[in-house]
């Protein structure tokens, strides 16, 4: 089914390499700022401010990356006017177009709920199990991982209900929204564009043919290389040695979901994964 997509989403009109660079810089800067404020001592200082102020602090730190991601995305896909209505596109229309974005200009709608459940009930527990032997091996050589931000907040005895609600909103809505725009819609798409220009013969020559004559092309070299690069960058910026390999695998899965479906599906998949991780942090 054909879906609406911003101009930089199609294979014939990829974003410039500068867009990917801006996305990478934005992701690195915002991640560095987040981690500087998410150490155990910093988190305890935030929680000591009181329930309401701690909740506002968490929401602000998550809303800022969303604003930056949307600014870069709208700048890369901006049009002077909406040709259907003769005026500038309204923000809700641009958001809907962004969520429906598919790299190849087509994708299945309505899969968001299924991907959320898949991320929460299957992928999060599976990757958590994978991280256990990795953590044990690291502890054997003297590397002891620090507890993650969500685990500190959720399990803190001084954490109030508003703070927990703010964290739930942050990890299941705001953070997946910002990260998928930056990593998949902009960085992955921009790297694909750059690699297509550099390797014009790297297009996929295999794929799946359907009885009705349709054809779904397989992964091309630019798409695969961009997915691997984004996955390594995504995992590295999360600054977790024990979770590096699980995060690489998860990021590859996110790229596959985005490529095959829509950006909204990738966001839902990411949100479900984060929700499942928070639930595991409460139970373990």
C-alpha atoms as a PDB file:
ATOM      1  CA  UNK A   1       0.000   0.000   0.000  1.00  0.00           C
ATOM      2  CA  UNK A   2       1.295   3.409  -0.894  1.00  0.00           C
ATOM      3  CA  UNK A   3       1.899   5.732   2.035  1.00  0.00           C
ATOM      4  CA  UNK A   4       2.632   9.393   2.293  1.00  0.00           C
ATOM      5  CA  UNK A   5       6.275  10.248   2.902  1.00  0.00           C
ATOM      6  CA  UNK A   6       8.412  13.366   3.104  1.00  0.00           C
ATOM      7  CA  UNK A   7      10.547  14.190   0.042  1.00  0.00           C
ATOM      8  CA  UNK A   8      13.733  12.727   1.486  1.00  0.00           C
ATOM      9  CA  UNK A   9      12.130   9.336   2.119  1.00  0.00           C
ATOM     10  CA  UNK A  10      12.046   7.964  -1.410  1.00  0.00           C
ATOM     11  CA  UNK A  11      14.912   6.048  -3.022  1.00  0.00           C
ATOM     12  CA  UNK A  12      15.060   8.552  -5.894  1.00  0.00           C
ATOM     13  CA  UNK A  13      15.257  11.575  -3.629  1.00  0.00           C
ATOM     14  CA  UNK A  14      17.457  10.736  -0.651  1.00  0.00           C
ATOM     15  CA  UNK A  15      18.568  13.350   1.843  1.00  0.00           C
ATOM     16  CA  UNK A  16      21.987  14.943   1.416  1.00  0.00           C
ATOM     17  CA  UNK A  17      24.911  13.634   3.400  1.00  0.00           C
ATOM     18  CA  UNK A  18      24.740  16.831   5.441  1.00  0.00           C
ATOM     19  CA  UNK A  19      21.406  15.626   6.846  1.00  0.00           C
ATOM     20  CA  UNK A  20      22.993  12.401   8.078  1.00  0.00           C
ATOM     21  CA  UNK A  21      25.860  14.387   9.574  1.00  0.00           C
ATOM     22  CA  UNK A  22      23.443  16.706  11.358  1.00  0.00           C
ATOM     23  CA  UNK A  23      21.485  13.719  12.674  1.00  0.00           C
ATOM     24  CA  UNK A  24      24.649  12.016  13.931  1.00  0.00           C
ATOM     25  CA  UNK A  25      25.874  15.210  15.578  1.00  0.00           C
ATOM     26  CA  UNK A  26      22.482  15.838  17.158  1.00  0.00           C
ATOM     27  CA  UNK A  27      22.250  12.279  18.466  1.00  0.00           C
ATOM     28  CA  UNK A  28      25.786  12.342  19.855  1.00  0.00           C
ATOM     29  CA  UNK A  29      25.362  15.723  21.529  1.00  0.00           C
ATOM     30  CA  UNK A  30      22.004  14.943  23.106  1.00  0.00           C
ATOM     31  CA  UNK A  31      23.141  11.487  24.223  1.00  0.00           C
ATOM     32  CA  UNK A  32      26.271  12.917  25.821  1.00  0.00           C
ATOM     33  CA  UNK A  33      24.186  15.513  27.640  1.00  0.00           C
ATOM     34  CA  UNK A  34      21.746  12.837  28.806  1.00  0.00           C
ATOM     35  CA  UNK A  35      24.475  10.573  30.155  1.00  0.00           C
ATOM     36  CA  UNK A  36      26.195  13.443  31.931  1.00  0.00           C
ATOM     37  CA  UNK A  37      22.971  13.916  33.890  1.00  0.00           C
ATOM     38  CA  UNK A  38      22.081  10.228  34.331  1.00  0.00           C
ATOM     39  CA  UNK A  39      24.882   8.937  36.555  1.00  0.00           C
ATOM     40  CA  UNK A  40      23.912   7.555  39.959  1.00  0.00           C
ATOM     41  CA  UNK A  41      24.906  10.723  41.815  1.00  0.00           C
ATOM     42  CA  UNK A  42      23.167  13.005  39.308  1.00  0.00           C
ATOM     43  CA  UNK A  43      20.004  10.918  39.398  1.00  0.00           C
ATOM     44  CA  UNK A  44      19.920  10.980  43.177  1.00  0.00           C
ATOM     45  CA  UNK A  45      20.338  14.757  43.096  1.00  0.00           C
ATOM     46  CA  UNK A  46      17.367  15.043  40.729  1.00  0.00           C
ATOM     47  CA  UNK A  47      15.192  12.793  42.859  1.00  0.00           C
ATOM     48  CA  UNK A  48      16.113  14.801  45.946  1.00  0.00           C
ATOM     49  CA  UNK A  49      14.373  17.860  44.457  1.00  0.00           C
ATOM     50  CA  UNK A  50      10.977  16.362  45.086  1.00  0.00           C
ATOM     51  CA  UNK A  51       8.519  14.330  43.060  1.00  0.00           C
ATOM     52  CA  UNK A  52       7.103  17.107  40.859  1.00  0.00           C
ATOM     53  CA  UNK A  53      10.425  18.779  40.062  1.00  0.00           C
ATOM     54  CA  UNK A  54      12.084  15.433  39.314  1.00  0.00           C
ATOM     55  CA  UNK A  55       9.236  14.534  36.942  1.00  0.00           C
ATOM     56  CA  UNK A  56       9.528  17.865  35.122  1.00  0.00           C
ATOM     57  CA  UNK A  57      13.292  17.412  34.821  1.00  0.00           C
ATOM     58  CA  UNK A  58      12.884  13.978  33.209  1.00  0.00           C
ATOM     59  CA  UNK A  59      10.213  15.218  30.810  1.00  0.00           C
ATOM     60  CA  UNK A  60      12.277  18.235  29.755  1.00  0.00           C
ATOM     61  CA  UNK A  61      15.391  16.139  29.138  1.00  0.00           C
ATOM     62  CA  UNK A  62      13.324  13.839  26.893  1.00  0.00           C
ATOM     63  CA  UNK A  63      11.332  16.536  25.113  1.00  0.00           C
ATOM     64  CA  UNK A  64      14.455  18.422  24.038  1.00  0.00           C
ATOM     65  CA  UNK A  65      15.747  15.580  21.784  1.00  0.00           C
ATOM     66  CA  UNK A  66      12.262  15.347  20.228  1.00  0.00           C
ATOM     67  CA  UNK A  67      12.351  19.038  19.350  1.00  0.00           C
ATOM     68  CA  UNK A  68      15.846  18.745  17.853  1.00  0.00           C
ATOM     69  CA  UNK A  69      14.916  15.624  15.862  1.00  0.00           C
ATOM     70  CA  UNK A  70      11.771  17.241  14.471  1.00  0.00           C
ATOM     71  CA  UNK A  71      13.651  20.422  13.563  1.00  0.00           C
ATOM     72  CA  UNK A  72      16.244  18.459  11.563  1.00  0.00           C
ATOM     73  CA  UNK A  73      13.589  16.270   9.926  1.00  0.00           C
ATOM     74  CA  UNK A  74      11.351  19.174   8.931  1.00  0.00           C
ATOM     75  CA  UNK A  75      14.340  21.129   7.639  1.00  0.00           C
ATOM     76  CA  UNK A  76      15.397  18.173   5.483  1.00  0.00           C
ATOM     77  CA  UNK A  77      11.859  17.603   4.198  1.00  0.00           C
ATOM     78  CA  UNK A  78      10.591  21.164   4.108  1.00  0.00           C
ATOM     79  CA  UNK A  79       8.359  22.406   1.310  1.00  0.00           C
ATOM     80  CA  UNK A  80       7.429  26.029   0.828  1.00  0.00           C
ATOM     81  CA  UNK A  81       3.760  25.233   0.515  1.00  0.00           C
ATOM     82  CA  UNK A  82       1.231  22.427   0.577  1.00  0.00           C
ATOM     83  CA  UNK A  83       0.222  21.918  -3.032  1.00  0.00           C
ATOM     84  CA  UNK A  84      -3.069  20.299  -2.044  1.00  0.00           C
ATOM     85  CA  UNK A  85      -4.302  23.234  -0.021  1.00  0.00           C
ATOM     86  CA  UNK A  86      -2.274  26.160  -1.242  1.00  0.00           C
ATOM     87  CA  UNK A  87      -0.899  26.983   2.180  1.00  0.00           C
ATOM     88  CA  UNK A  88       1.843  25.908   4.481  1.00  0.00           C
ATOM     89  CA  UNK A  89       1.464  22.407   5.888  1.00  0.00           C
ATOM     90  CA  UNK A  90       0.142  22.264   9.404  1.00  0.00           C
ATOM     91  CA  UNK A  91       2.169  20.558  12.110  1.00  0.00           C
ATOM     92  CA  UNK A  92      -0.268  17.613  12.562  1.00  0.00           C
ATOM     93  CA  UNK A  93      -0.131  16.914   8.825  1.00  0.00           C
ATOM     94  CA  UNK A  94       3.653  16.948   8.833  1.00  0.00           C
ATOM     95  CA  UNK A  95       3.756  14.642  11.852  1.00  0.00           C
ATOM     96  CA  UNK A  96       1.386  12.175  10.180  1.00  0.00           C
ATOM     97  CA  UNK A  97       3.515  12.216   7.039  1.00  0.00           C
ATOM     98  CA  UNK A  98       6.612  11.613   9.130  1.00  0.00           C
ATOM     99  CA  UNK A  99       5.109   8.610  10.942  1.00  0.00           C
ATOM    100  CA  UNK A 100       3.911   7.123   7.629  1.00  0.00           C
ATOM    101  CA  UNK A 101       7.325   7.525   6.068  1.00  0.00           C
ATOM    102  CA  UNK A 102       8.718   4.404   4.391  1.00  0.00           C
ATOM    103  CA  UNK A 103      12.162   4.309   2.721  1.00  0.00           C
ATOM    104  CA  UNK A 104      10.844   2.752  -0.467  1.00  0.00           C
ATOM    105  CA  UNK A 105       7.687   4.816  -0.548  1.00  0.00           C
ATOM    106  CA  UNK A 106       5.455   1.901   0.456  1.00  0.00           C
ATOM    107  CA  UNK A 107       4.712   0.051   3.627  1.00  0.00           C
ATOM    108  CA  UNK A 108       1.993  -1.645   5.642  1.00  0.00           C
ATOM    109  CA  UNK A 109      -0.049   0.498   7.993  1.00  0.00           C
ATOM    110  CA  UNK A 110      -1.660  -0.652  11.191  1.00  0.00           C
ATOM    111  CA  UNK A 111       1.261  -2.787  12.396  1.00  0.00           C
ATOM    112  CA  UNK A 112       2.245  -0.502  15.273  1.00  0.00           C
ATOM    113  CA  UNK A 113       0.389  -2.414  18.011  1.00  0.00           C
ATOM    114  CA  UNK A 114       1.850  -5.733  16.872  1.00  0.00           C
ATOM    115  CA  UNK A 115       5.377  -4.340  16.857  1.00  0.00           C
ATOM    116  CA  UNK A 116       4.905  -2.806  20.306  1.00  0.00           C
ATOM    117  CA  UNK A 117       3.890  -6.180  21.710  1.00  0.00           C
ATOM    118  CA  UNK A 118       6.718  -7.919  19.856  1.00  0.00           C
ATOM    119  CA  UNK A 119       9.261  -5.526  21.341  1.00  0.00           C
ATOM    120  CA  UNK A 120       7.870  -5.765  24.877  1.00  0.00           C
ATOM    121  CA  UNK A 121       7.036  -9.456  25.126  1.00  0.00           C
ATOM    122  CA  UNK A 122       9.676 -11.092  22.911  1.00  0.00           C
ATOM    123  CA  UNK A 123      12.649  -8.916  22.010  1.00  0.00           C
ATOM    124  CA  UNK A 124      13.220  -7.224  25.379  1.00  0.00           C
ATOM    125  CA  UNK A 125      13.292 -10.512  27.371  1.00  0.00           C
ATOM    126  CA  UNK A 126      15.406 -12.249  24.708  1.00  0.00           C
ATOM    127  CA  UNK A 127      18.063  -9.536  24.635  1.00  0.00           C
ATOM    128  CA  UNK A 128      17.990  -9.299  28.440  1.00  0.00           C
ATOM    129  CA  UNK A 129      18.824 -13.016  28.552  1.00  0.00           C
ATOM    130  CA  UNK A 130      21.628 -12.469  26.052  1.00  0.00           C
ATOM    131  CA  UNK A 131      23.101  -9.735  28.233  1.00  0.00           C
ATOM    132  CA  UNK A 132      23.347 -12.061  31.267  1.00  0.00           C
ATOM    133  CA  UNK A 133      26.321 -14.154  30.067  1.00  0.00           C
ATOM    134  CA  UNK A 134      27.945 -11.013  28.698  1.00  0.00           C
ATOM    135  CA  UNK A 135      27.636  -9.364  32.109  1.00  0.00           C
ATOM    136  CA  UNK A 136      29.013 -12.429  33.874  1.00  0.00           C
ATOM    137  CA  UNK A 137      32.004 -12.522  31.529  1.00  0.00           C
ATOM    138  CA  UNK A 138      32.696  -8.832  32.117  1.00  0.00           C
ATOM    139  CA  UNK A 139      32.450  -9.247  35.878  1.00  0.00           C
ATOM    140  CA  UNK A 140      34.941 -12.108  35.645  1.00  0.00           C
ATOM    141  CA  UNK A 141      37.528  -9.702  34.234  1.00  0.00           C
ATOM    142  CA  UNK A 142      36.717  -6.965  36.735  1.00  0.00           C
ATOM    143  CA  UNK A 143      34.284  -4.834  34.727  1.00  0.00           C
ATOM    144  CA  UNK A 144      31.219  -4.117  36.847  1.00  0.00           C
ATOM    145  CA  UNK A 145      28.447  -2.271  34.972  1.00  0.00           C
ATOM    146  CA  UNK A 146      26.704   0.611  36.677  1.00  0.00           C
ATOM    147  CA  UNK A 147      22.921   0.432  36.977  1.00  0.00           C
ATOM    148  CA  UNK A 148      21.030   2.116  34.170  1.00  0.00           C
ATOM    149  CA  UNK A 149      19.109   5.362  34.570  1.00  0.00           C
ATOM    150  CA  UNK A 150      15.683   3.715  34.367  1.00  0.00           C
ATOM    151  CA  UNK A 151      16.620   1.064  36.922  1.00  0.00           C
ATOM    152  CA  UNK A 152      17.896   3.688  39.379  1.00  0.00           C
ATOM    153  CA  UNK A 153      14.730   5.754  39.099  1.00  0.00           C
ATOM    154  CA  UNK A 154      12.247   2.884  39.105  1.00  0.00           C
ATOM    155  CA  UNK A 155      13.822   1.084  42.047  1.00  0.00           C
ATOM    156  CA  UNK A 156      14.731   4.141  44.083  1.00  0.00           C
ATOM    157  CA  UNK A 157      12.916   4.276  47.425  1.00  0.00           C
ATOM    158  CA  UNK A 158      12.619   8.059  47.137  1.00  0.00           C
ATOM    159  CA  UNK A 159      10.995   7.918  43.682  1.00  0.00           C
ATOM    160  CA  UNK A 160       7.467   9.318  43.694  1.00  0.00           C
ATOM    161  CA  UNK A 161       4.500   8.435  41.449  1.00  0.00           C
ATOM    162  CA  UNK A 162       4.876  11.515  39.257  1.00  0.00           C
ATOM    163  CA  UNK A 163       8.525  10.691  38.601  1.00  0.00           C
ATOM    164  CA  UNK A 164       7.670   7.114  37.658  1.00  0.00           C
ATOM    165  CA  UNK A 165       4.911   8.372  35.346  1.00  0.00           C
ATOM    166  CA  UNK A 166       7.304  10.843  33.730  1.00  0.00           C
ATOM    167  CA  UNK A 167       9.889   8.105  33.213  1.00  0.00           C
ATOM    168  CA  UNK A 168       7.278   5.821  31.637  1.00  0.00           C
ATOM    169  CA  UNK A 169       6.263   8.600  29.237  1.00  0.00           C
ATOM    170  CA  UNK A 170       9.915   9.324  28.469  1.00  0.00           C
ATOM    171  CA  UNK A 171      11.025   5.782  27.657  1.00  0.00           C
ATOM    172  CA  UNK A 172       7.869   4.646  25.855  1.00  0.00           C
ATOM    173  CA  UNK A 173       6.995   7.783  23.866  1.00  0.00           C
ATOM    174  CA  UNK A 174       9.510  10.610  23.779  1.00  0.00           C
ATOM    175  CA  UNK A 175      12.830   8.756  23.565  1.00  0.00           C
ATOM    176  CA  UNK A 176      11.749   6.232  20.884  1.00  0.00           C
ATOM    177  CA  UNK A 177      10.201   9.053  18.854  1.00  0.00           C
ATOM    178  CA  UNK A 178      13.360  11.170  18.909  1.00  0.00           C
ATOM    179  CA  UNK A 179      15.820   8.309  18.411  1.00  0.00           C
ATOM    180  CA  UNK A 180      14.004   6.728  15.475  1.00  0.00           C
ATOM    181  CA  UNK A 181      13.797  10.056  13.668  1.00  0.00           C
ATOM    182  CA  UNK A 182      17.504  10.680  14.232  1.00  0.00           C
ATOM    183  CA  UNK A 183      18.885   7.182  13.696  1.00  0.00           C
ATOM    184  CA  UNK A 184      16.551   5.671  11.124  1.00  0.00           C
ATOM    185  CA  UNK A 185      14.712   8.440   9.248  1.00  0.00           C
ATOM    186  CA  UNK A 186      17.716  10.761   8.997  1.00  0.00           C
ATOM    187  CA  UNK A 187      20.998   8.980   9.688  1.00  0.00           C
ATOM    188  CA  UNK A 188      20.185   5.664   8.000  1.00  0.00           C
ATOM    189  CA  UNK A 189      18.455   7.407   5.113  1.00  0.00           C
ATOM    190  CA  UNK A 190      21.320   9.871   4.684  1.00  0.00           C
ATOM    191  CA  UNK A 191      23.973   7.155   4.741  1.00  0.00           C
ATOM    192  CA  UNK A 192      22.007   5.184   2.164  1.00  0.00           C
ATOM    193  CA  UNK A 193      21.940   8.252  -0.061  1.00  0.00           C
ATOM    194  CA  UNK A 194      25.659   8.833   0.290  1.00  0.00           C
ATOM    195  CA  UNK A 195      26.508   5.176  -0.376  1.00  0.00           C
ATOM    196  CA  UNK A 196      24.215   5.036  -3.403  1.00  0.00           C
ATOM    197  CA  UNK A 197      26.124   7.938  -4.922  1.00  0.00           C
ATOM    198  CA  UNK A 198      29.447   6.318  -4.063  1.00  0.00           C
ATOM    199  CA  UNK A 199      28.432   2.805  -5.167  1.00  0.00           C
ATOM    200  CA  UNK A 200      25.838   3.229  -7.935  1.00  0.00           C
ATOM    201  CA  UNK A 201      26.103  -0.463  -8.861  1.00  0.00           C
ATOM    202  CA  UNK A 202      25.314  -1.645  -5.342  1.00  0.00           C
ATOM    203  CA  UNK A 203      21.545  -1.909  -5.823  1.00  0.00           C
ATOM    204  CA  UNK A 204      19.878  -5.178  -4.842  1.00  0.00           C
ATOM    205  CA  UNK A 205      19.641  -7.685  -7.685  1.00  0.00           C
ATOM    206  CA  UNK A 206      17.645 -10.263  -5.747  1.00  0.00           C
ATOM    207  CA  UNK A 207      14.318 -10.208  -4.009  1.00  0.00           C
ATOM    208  CA  UNK A 208      10.923 -11.832  -3.749  1.00  0.00           C
ATOM    209  CA  UNK A 209       8.472 -12.111  -6.606  1.00  0.00           C
ATOM    210  CA  UNK A 210       4.747 -12.436  -5.987  1.00  0.00           C
ATOM    211  CA  UNK A 211       2.100 -14.290  -8.037  1.00  0.00           C
ATOM    212  CA  UNK A 212       0.483 -11.010  -9.054  1.00  0.00           C
ATOM    213  CA  UNK A 213       3.722  -9.880 -10.675  1.00  0.00           C
ATOM    214  CA  UNK A 214       4.875  -7.698  -7.789  1.00  0.00           C
ATOM    215  CA  UNK A 215       8.503  -7.650  -6.713  1.00  0.00           C
ATOM    216  CA  UNK A 216      10.078  -6.795  -3.373  1.00  0.00           C
ATOM    217  CA  UNK A 217      13.788  -6.072  -3.783  1.00  0.00           C
ATOM    218  CA  UNK A 218      16.244  -7.538  -1.314  1.00  0.00           C
ATOM    219  CA  UNK A 219      18.708  -5.583   0.752  1.00  0.00           C
ATOM    220  CA  UNK A 220      21.161  -3.564  -1.306  1.00  0.00           C
ATOM    221  CA  UNK A 221      24.745  -2.901  -0.260  1.00  0.00           C
ATOM    222  CA  UNK A 222      24.031   0.763   0.662  1.00  0.00           C
ATOM    223  CA  UNK A 223      21.056  -0.267   2.816  1.00  0.00           C
ATOM    224  CA  UNK A 224      22.928  -3.043   4.601  1.00  0.00           C
ATOM    225  CA  UNK A 225      26.086  -1.026   5.174  1.00  0.00           C
ATOM    226  CA  UNK A 226      24.074   1.936   6.457  1.00  0.00           C
ATOM    227  CA  UNK A 227      22.116  -0.341   8.815  1.00  0.00           C
ATOM    228  CA  UNK A 228      25.331  -1.793  10.280  1.00  0.00           C
ATOM    229  CA  UNK A 229      26.890   1.665  10.684  1.00  0.00           C
ATOM    230  CA  UNK A 230      23.759   3.020  12.389  1.00  0.00           C
ATOM    231  CA  UNK A 231      23.562  -0.017  14.678  1.00  0.00           C
ATOM    232  CA  UNK A 232      27.171   0.368  15.824  1.00  0.00           C
ATOM    233  CA  UNK A 233      26.693   4.118  16.341  1.00  0.00           C
ATOM    234  CA  UNK A 234      23.415   3.567  18.213  1.00  0.00           C
ATOM    235  CA  UNK A 235      24.971   1.000  20.562  1.00  0.00           C
ATOM    236  CA  UNK A 236      28.152   2.997  21.118  1.00  0.00           C
ATOM    237  CA  UNK A 237      26.256   6.135  22.124  1.00  0.00           C
ATOM    238  CA  UNK A 238      24.346   4.210  24.778  1.00  0.00           C
ATOM    239  CA  UNK A 239      27.707   3.729  26.534  1.00  0.00           C
ATOM    240  CA  UNK A 240      26.977   0.308  27.971  1.00  0.00           C
ATOM    241  CA  UNK A 241      29.637  -2.362  27.509  1.00  0.00           C
ATOM    242  CA  UNK A 242      27.478  -5.262  28.651  1.00  0.00           C
ATOM    243  CA  UNK A 243      24.536  -4.165  26.474  1.00  0.00           C
ATOM    244  CA  UNK A 244      26.571  -3.293  23.368  1.00  0.00           C
ATOM    245  CA  UNK A 245      25.920  -6.518  21.418  1.00  0.00           C
ATOM    246  CA  UNK A 246      22.189  -6.709  22.324  1.00  0.00           C
ATOM    247  CA  UNK A 247      21.777  -3.067  21.303  1.00  0.00           C
ATOM    248  CA  UNK A 248      23.529  -3.686  17.967  1.00  0.00           C
ATOM    249  CA  UNK A 249      21.144  -6.557  17.237  1.00  0.00           C
ATOM    250  CA  UNK A 250      18.151  -4.472  18.317  1.00  0.00           C
ATOM    251  CA  UNK A 251      19.217  -1.543  16.121  1.00  0.00           C
ATOM    252  CA  UNK A 252      19.570  -3.867  13.119  1.00  0.00           C
ATOM    253  CA  UNK A 253      16.044  -5.110  13.781  1.00  0.00           C
ATOM    254  CA  UNK A 254      14.806  -1.505  13.962  1.00  0.00           C
ATOM    255  CA  UNK A 255      16.364  -0.739  10.577  1.00  0.00           C
ATOM    256  CA  UNK A 256      14.695  -3.826   9.108  1.00  0.00           C
ATOM    257  CA  UNK A 257      11.300  -2.795  10.497  1.00  0.00           C
ATOM    258  CA  UNK A 258      11.684   0.757   9.214  1.00  0.00           C
ATOM    259  CA  UNK A 259      12.802  -0.418   5.768  1.00  0.00           C
ATOM    260  CA  UNK A 260       9.958  -2.907   5.394  1.00  0.00           C
ATOM    261  CA  UNK A 261       7.153  -0.985   7.114  1.00  0.00           C
ATOM    262  CA  UNK A 262       7.041   2.641   8.308  1.00  0.00           C
ATOM    263  CA  UNK A 263       8.740   4.954  10.746  1.00  0.00           C
ATOM    264  CA  UNK A 264       5.691   4.666  13.010  1.00  0.00           C
ATOM    265  CA  UNK A 265       6.203   0.892  13.170  1.00  0.00           C
ATOM    266  CA  UNK A 266       9.857   1.342  14.134  1.00  0.00           C
ATOM    267  CA  UNK A 267       8.888   3.820  16.865  1.00  0.00           C
ATOM    268  CA  UNK A 268       6.282   1.395  18.236  1.00  0.00           C
ATOM    269  CA  UNK A 269       8.819  -1.467  18.171  1.00  0.00           C
ATOM    270  CA  UNK A 270      11.340   0.689  20.033  1.00  0.00           C
ATOM    271  CA  UNK A 271       8.702   1.839  22.533  1.00  0.00           C
ATOM    272  CA  UNK A 272       7.668  -1.739  23.265  1.00  0.00           C
ATOM    273  CA  UNK A 273      11.275  -2.767  23.783  1.00  0.00           C
ATOM    274  CA  UNK A 274      11.828   0.066  26.257  1.00  0.00           C
ATOM    275  CA  UNK A 275       8.580  -0.723  28.068  1.00  0.00           C
ATOM    276  CA  UNK A 276       9.564  -4.372  28.361  1.00  0.00           C
ATOM    277  CA  UNK A 277      12.987  -3.382  29.666  1.00  0.00           C
ATOM    278  CA  UNK A 278      11.452  -1.171  32.348  1.00  0.00           C
ATOM    279  CA  UNK A 279       9.096  -3.953  33.403  1.00  0.00           C
ATOM    280  CA  UNK A 280      12.022  -6.354  33.703  1.00  0.00           C
ATOM    281  CA  UNK A 281      13.904  -3.776  35.768  1.00  0.00           C
ATOM    282  CA  UNK A 282      10.992  -3.667  38.211  1.00  0.00           C
ATOM    283  CA  UNK A 283      10.665  -7.447  38.411  1.00  0.00           C
ATOM    284  CA  UNK A 284      14.339  -8.408  38.685  1.00  0.00           C
END
